[in-house]
């Protein structure tokens, strides 16, 4: 029962949302790092 509970769609959606949030954070960091170089040129 615990194994099926861990494979519940809610936990899967939570993992997907967390990975999506981490992706947005990574994009934001990339923009913050690359933007000063573009502005400097």
C-alpha atoms as a PDB file:
ATOM      1  CA  UNK A   1       0.000   0.000   0.000  1.00  0.00           C
ATOM      2  CA  UNK A   2       2.819   2.447   0.824  1.00  0.00           C
ATOM      3  CA  UNK A   3       4.532   1.752  -2.523  1.00  0.00           C
ATOM      4  CA  UNK A   4       1.320   2.473  -4.456  1.00  0.00           C
ATOM      5  CA  UNK A   5       0.815   5.604  -2.349  1.00  0.00           C
ATOM      6  CA  UNK A   6       4.304   6.833  -3.262  1.00  0.00           C
ATOM      7  CA  UNK A   7       3.436   6.273  -6.938  1.00  0.00           C
ATOM      8  CA  UNK A   8       0.298   8.379  -6.565  1.00  0.00           C
ATOM      9  CA  UNK A   9      -0.290  10.963  -9.321  1.00  0.00           C
ATOM     10  CA  UNK A  10      -0.268  13.768  -6.740  1.00  0.00           C
ATOM     11  CA  UNK A  11       3.353  13.046  -5.800  1.00  0.00           C
ATOM     12  CA  UNK A  12       4.221  12.721  -9.500  1.00  0.00           C
ATOM     13  CA  UNK A  13       2.613  16.122 -10.217  1.00  0.00           C
ATOM     14  CA  UNK A  14       4.493  17.569  -7.247  1.00  0.00           C
ATOM     15  CA  UNK A  15       7.795  16.275  -8.667  1.00  0.00           C
ATOM     16  CA  UNK A  16       6.955  17.667 -12.112  1.00  0.00           C
ATOM     17  CA  UNK A  17       6.068  21.068 -10.648  1.00  0.00           C
ATOM     18  CA  UNK A  18       9.289  21.118  -8.602  1.00  0.00           C
ATOM     19  CA  UNK A  19      11.417  20.251 -11.654  1.00  0.00           C
ATOM     20  CA  UNK A  20       9.572  22.933 -13.648  1.00  0.00           C
ATOM     21  CA  UNK A  21      10.287  25.454 -10.873  1.00  0.00           C
ATOM     22  CA  UNK A  22      13.953  24.435 -10.829  1.00  0.00           C
ATOM     23  CA  UNK A  23      14.035  24.935 -14.613  1.00  0.00           C
ATOM     24  CA  UNK A  24      12.632  28.443 -14.242  1.00  0.00           C
ATOM     25  CA  UNK A  25      15.216  29.212 -11.567  1.00  0.00           C
ATOM     26  CA  UNK A  26      18.007  27.907 -13.819  1.00  0.00           C
ATOM     27  CA  UNK A  27      16.759  30.081 -16.708  1.00  0.00           C
ATOM     28  CA  UNK A  28      16.595  33.096 -14.394  1.00  0.00           C
ATOM     29  CA  UNK A  29      20.171  32.494 -13.216  1.00  0.00           C
ATOM     30  CA  UNK A  30      21.356  32.120 -16.819  1.00  0.00           C
ATOM     31  CA  UNK A  31      19.657  35.399 -17.752  1.00  0.00           C
ATOM     32  CA  UNK A  32      21.204  37.180 -14.757  1.00  0.00           C
ATOM     33  CA  UNK A  33      24.645  35.852 -15.755  1.00  0.00           C
ATOM     34  CA  UNK A  34      24.378  36.452 -19.517  1.00  0.00           C
ATOM     35  CA  UNK A  35      22.510  39.790 -19.460  1.00  0.00           C
ATOM     36  CA  UNK A  36      25.417  41.855 -17.977  1.00  0.00           C
ATOM     37  CA  UNK A  37      27.721  40.532 -20.720  1.00  0.00           C
ATOM     38  CA  UNK A  38      25.204  41.523 -23.402  1.00  0.00           C
ATOM     39  CA  UNK A  39      24.701  44.946 -21.780  1.00  0.00           C
ATOM     40  CA  UNK A  40      28.475  45.468 -21.545  1.00  0.00           C
ATOM     41  CA  UNK A  41      29.016  44.887 -25.269  1.00  0.00           C
END
